[in-house]
């Protein structure tokens, strides 16, 4: 077994960069696989073996690996999220925080009325999005560029976090916009403020779930 030169390692990285791999986990796995396989190959056979690995891990194979990883990560995230609703396992301090938050939200709702939902939505984005983007702005290279020179793989949980965040807010906001219109001029119109309280509480509950299930600095699952 030999040690690859810096030039050989860079050749491998150049190929992986051209594949625009979405997730760090897959990038690191493939890089390790390439290096391990090529270290067992004579130097004169480096290019031949490397091209064989390129064929083995074609673009379509890599995209399938990404899809499989997404399914596994989402399943693990959902399993972790489920445990966050077990209030009796939180401990007295966290339960106290929840009770205090509830006591604060009640008068806020009576004062703000339907605006409570929009306050909750603002908190949702400011606390979660702002916090995570600020602490990971360099590490995760937030960019819309598809150029291989600028593309930077993301951690799978980062993708799951932002994806779930957008999905939850989109669905709740859709209900917040449509349901009051359906209730207007009906006997149930008086329930509109209660509806906004419920939807706003859902957003805040999701914020709580994210904070208790994902470490927003590392995007690793918090094991319960």
Protein backbone atom coordinates (compact mmCIF):
# COMPACT_ATOMS: atom_id res chain seq x y z
CA UNK A 1 0.00 0.00 0.00
CA UNK A 2 1.33 3.42 -0.95
CA UNK A 3 0.44 6.97 0.01
CA UNK A 4 -1.15 9.12 -2.67
CA UNK A 5 0.57 12.33 -3.66
CA UNK A 6 -1.06 15.73 -3.21
CA UNK A 7 -1.53 15.94 -6.99
CA UNK A 8 -3.31 12.57 -7.10
CA UNK A 9 -5.61 13.55 -4.23
CA UNK A 10 -6.41 16.81 -6.00
CA UNK A 11 -7.28 14.88 -9.19
CA UNK A 12 -9.78 12.87 -7.15
CA UNK A 13 -11.26 16.01 -5.56
CA UNK A 14 -11.54 17.70 -8.94
CA UNK A 15 -13.64 14.81 -10.22
CA UNK A 16 -15.89 14.82 -7.15
CA UNK A 17 -16.31 18.60 -7.42
CA UNK A 18 -17.48 18.25 -11.01
CA UNK A 19 -20.23 15.91 -9.82
CA UNK A 20 -21.77 18.74 -7.74
CA UNK A 21 -22.37 16.37 -4.84
CA UNK A 22 -25.10 17.79 -2.62
CA UNK A 23 -24.07 16.42 0.79
CA UNK A 24 -20.83 16.44 2.73
CA UNK A 25 -21.48 12.93 4.01
CA UNK A 26 -21.50 11.46 0.49
CA UNK A 27 -18.54 13.58 -0.62
CA UNK A 28 -16.42 12.39 2.31
CA UNK A 29 -17.51 8.77 1.82
CA UNK A 30 -16.57 8.79 -1.87
CA UNK A 31 -13.30 10.60 -1.23
CA UNK A 32 -12.33 8.01 1.37
CA UNK A 33 -13.37 5.17 -0.97
CA UNK A 34 -11.30 6.58 -3.85
CA UNK A 35 -8.22 7.10 -1.68
CA UNK A 36 -8.44 3.65 -0.08
CA UNK A 37 -8.85 1.91 -3.45
CA UNK A 38 -6.12 3.91 -5.21
CA UNK A 39 -3.61 3.47 -2.39
CA UNK A 40 -3.70 -0.24 -3.23
CA UNK A 41 -3.04 0.49 -6.91
CA UNK A 42 0.44 0.90 -8.44
CA UNK A 43 1.25 4.47 -9.43
CA UNK A 44 1.37 3.61 -13.13
CA UNK A 45 -2.20 2.25 -12.94
CA UNK A 46 -3.60 5.27 -11.09
CA UNK A 47 -5.46 6.80 -14.06
CA UNK A 48 -6.95 3.47 -15.19
CA UNK A 49 -8.21 2.61 -11.70
CA UNK A 50 -9.47 6.14 -11.13
CA UNK A 51 -11.47 6.05 -14.38
CA UNK A 52 -12.92 2.68 -13.35
CA UNK A 53 -14.04 4.26 -10.08
CA UNK A 54 -15.53 7.15 -12.03
CA UNK A 55 -17.61 4.66 -14.01
CA UNK A 56 -18.61 2.82 -10.84
CA UNK A 57 -19.76 6.05 -9.20
CA UNK A 58 -21.35 7.77 -12.17
CA UNK A 59 -23.50 10.87 -11.86
CA UNK A 60 -26.71 8.80 -11.78
CA UNK A 61 -25.33 6.54 -9.03
CA UNK A 62 -24.33 9.55 -6.95
CA UNK A 63 -27.79 11.10 -7.32
CA UNK A 64 -29.35 7.83 -6.17
CA UNK A 65 -27.02 7.84 -3.16
CA UNK A 66 -28.25 11.34 -2.35
CA UNK A 67 -31.89 10.24 -2.53
CA UNK A 68 -31.21 7.24 -0.28
CA UNK A 69 -29.42 9.47 2.23
CA UNK A 70 -32.33 11.91 2.23
CA UNK A 71 -34.77 9.11 3.09
CA UNK A 72 -32.60 7.82 5.93
CA UNK A 73 -31.94 11.31 7.33
CA UNK A 74 -35.62 12.27 7.18
CA UNK A 75 -36.63 9.06 8.96
CA UNK A 76 -34.04 9.65 11.69
CA UNK A 77 -35.13 13.26 12.05
CA UNK A 78 -38.79 12.32 12.40
CA UNK A 79 -37.95 9.66 15.00
CA UNK A 80 -36.01 12.25 16.98
CA UNK A 81 -38.73 14.87 16.60
CA UNK A 82 -41.34 12.49 18.03
CA UNK A 83 -39.45 12.32 21.31
CA UNK A 84 -39.55 16.12 21.62
CA UNK A 85 -43.29 16.02 22.29
CA UNK A 86 -42.82 13.81 25.34
CA UNK A 87 -43.06 16.70 27.74
CA UNK A 88 -42.75 14.45 30.78
CA UNK A 89 -39.18 13.61 29.70
CA UNK A 90 -38.02 17.22 29.42
CA UNK A 91 -37.21 17.81 33.07
CA UNK A 92 -38.61 20.41 35.45
CA UNK A 93 -36.58 23.32 34.06
CA UNK A 94 -37.80 22.90 30.47
CA UNK A 95 -41.35 22.23 31.63
CA UNK A 96 -41.15 25.46 33.65
CA UNK A 97 -40.01 27.35 30.55
CA UNK A 98 -42.96 25.96 28.58
CA UNK A 99 -45.44 26.93 31.31
CA UNK A 100 -43.97 30.43 31.56
CA UNK A 101 -44.10 30.82 27.77
CA UNK A 102 -47.76 29.77 27.78
CA UNK A 103 -48.61 32.33 30.47
CA UNK A 104 -46.89 35.04 28.40
CA UNK A 105 -48.61 34.03 25.15
CA UNK A 106 -52.14 34.22 26.57
CA UNK A 107 -52.13 38.00 27.24
CA UNK A 108 -50.21 38.59 24.00
CA UNK A 109 -52.99 36.83 22.12
CA UNK A 110 -55.73 38.85 23.81
CA UNK A 111 -53.91 42.11 22.97
CA UNK A 112 -52.74 41.23 19.48
CA UNK A 113 -55.65 39.07 18.34
CA UNK A 114 -55.10 37.72 14.84
CA UNK A 115 -51.74 39.50 14.71
CA UNK A 116 -50.48 36.83 17.13
CA UNK A 117 -49.95 34.54 14.15
CA UNK A 118 -47.76 37.06 12.34
CA UNK A 119 -45.74 37.67 15.50
CA UNK A 120 -45.20 33.92 15.78
CA UNK A 121 -44.21 33.75 12.09
CA UNK A 122 -41.69 36.55 12.58
CA UNK A 123 -40.22 34.81 15.63
CA UNK A 124 -40.06 31.59 13.63
CA UNK A 125 -37.85 33.09 10.94
CA UNK A 126 -35.79 35.45 13.08
CA UNK A 127 -34.88 32.88 15.74
CA UNK A 128 -34.41 29.77 13.61
CA UNK A 129 -33.28 31.05 10.23
CA UNK A 130 -31.24 33.93 11.56
CA UNK A 131 -29.53 31.82 14.19
CA UNK A 132 -28.62 28.94 11.90
CA UNK A 133 -27.54 31.08 8.93
CA UNK A 134 -25.37 33.31 11.09
CA UNK A 135 -23.46 30.49 12.73
CA UNK A 136 -23.10 28.47 9.52
CA UNK A 137 -22.77 31.16 6.82
CA UNK A 138 -19.17 30.18 6.01
CA UNK A 139 -19.22 26.51 6.94
CA UNK A 140 -22.13 25.64 4.68
CA UNK A 141 -21.41 28.09 1.86
CA UNK A 142 -24.94 29.33 1.21
CA UNK A 143 -24.92 30.01 -2.54
CA UNK A 144 -27.21 29.53 -5.52
CA UNK A 145 -24.29 29.00 -7.87
CA UNK A 146 -23.96 25.67 -9.68
CA UNK A 147 -20.40 26.37 -10.72
CA UNK A 148 -18.06 23.55 -9.58
CA UNK A 149 -15.62 26.18 -8.39
CA UNK A 150 -18.19 27.68 -6.04
CA UNK A 151 -20.38 24.70 -5.22
CA UNK A 152 -20.00 23.45 -1.66
CA UNK A 153 -21.74 20.32 -0.31
CA UNK A 154 -24.12 20.79 2.61
CA UNK A 155 -24.61 18.59 5.65
CA UNK A 156 -27.71 16.44 5.18
CA UNK A 157 -29.34 17.75 8.37
CA UNK A 158 -28.86 21.32 7.16
CA UNK A 159 -30.85 20.43 4.05
CA UNK A 160 -33.48 18.62 6.13
CA UNK A 161 -33.75 21.59 8.51
CA UNK A 162 -34.30 24.22 5.83
CA UNK A 163 -36.53 21.91 3.81
CA UNK A 164 -38.77 21.08 6.76
CA UNK A 165 -38.80 24.72 7.83
CA UNK A 166 -40.03 25.88 4.44
CA UNK A 167 -42.57 23.06 4.20
CA UNK A 168 -44.10 23.65 7.62
CA UNK A 169 -44.26 27.43 7.24
CA UNK A 170 -45.69 27.14 3.72
CA UNK A 171 -48.51 24.82 4.79
CA UNK A 172 -49.38 26.77 7.94
CA UNK A 173 -49.25 30.10 6.10
CA UNK A 174 -51.53 28.71 3.40
CA UNK A 175 -54.12 27.83 6.04
CA UNK A 176 -53.64 31.24 7.67
CA UNK A 177 -54.47 32.99 4.41
CA UNK A 178 -57.31 30.79 3.18
CA UNK A 179 -59.28 29.61 6.22
CA UNK A 180 -60.28 33.09 7.50
CA UNK A 181 -61.75 33.82 4.05
CA UNK A 182 -63.82 30.64 4.19
CA UNK A 183 -65.07 31.57 7.68
CA UNK A 184 -65.97 35.13 6.70
CA UNK A 185 -69.72 35.89 6.80
CA UNK A 186 -70.46 32.51 8.35
CA UNK A 187 -71.62 31.57 11.86
CA UNK A 188 -68.03 30.48 12.56
CA UNK A 189 -66.43 33.84 11.79
CA UNK A 190 -65.87 34.49 15.51
CA UNK A 191 -63.51 31.52 15.59
CA UNK A 192 -61.00 33.32 13.34
CA UNK A 193 -58.87 34.66 16.24
CA UNK A 194 -58.79 31.16 17.75
CA UNK A 195 -57.66 29.84 14.39
CA UNK A 196 -54.76 32.29 14.30
CA UNK A 197 -53.86 31.36 17.88
CA UNK A 198 -53.77 27.69 16.89
CA UNK A 199 -51.67 28.28 13.75
CA UNK A 200 -49.28 30.59 15.56
CA UNK A 201 -48.88 28.05 18.32
CA UNK A 202 -48.06 25.40 15.70
CA UNK A 203 -45.21 27.55 14.40
CA UNK A 204 -43.84 28.10 17.89
CA UNK A 205 -44.20 24.39 18.65
CA UNK A 206 -42.22 23.55 15.52
CA UNK A 207 -39.53 26.02 16.62
CA UNK A 208 -39.35 24.20 19.93
CA UNK A 209 -39.10 20.84 18.18
CA UNK A 210 -36.22 22.01 15.99
CA UNK A 211 -34.29 23.46 18.92
CA UNK A 212 -34.68 20.28 20.91
CA UNK A 213 -33.94 17.85 18.08
CA UNK A 214 -31.16 19.53 16.04
CA UNK A 215 -27.95 21.22 17.12
CA UNK A 216 -28.16 24.32 14.92
CA UNK A 217 -24.41 24.95 15.06
CA UNK A 218 -23.40 21.52 13.81
CA UNK A 219 -26.67 20.28 12.26
CA UNK A 220 -26.31 17.01 14.13
CA UNK A 221 -29.29 15.25 15.66
CA UNK A 222 -29.62 15.60 19.40
CA UNK A 223 -29.91 12.03 20.60
CA UNK A 224 -32.50 11.56 23.32
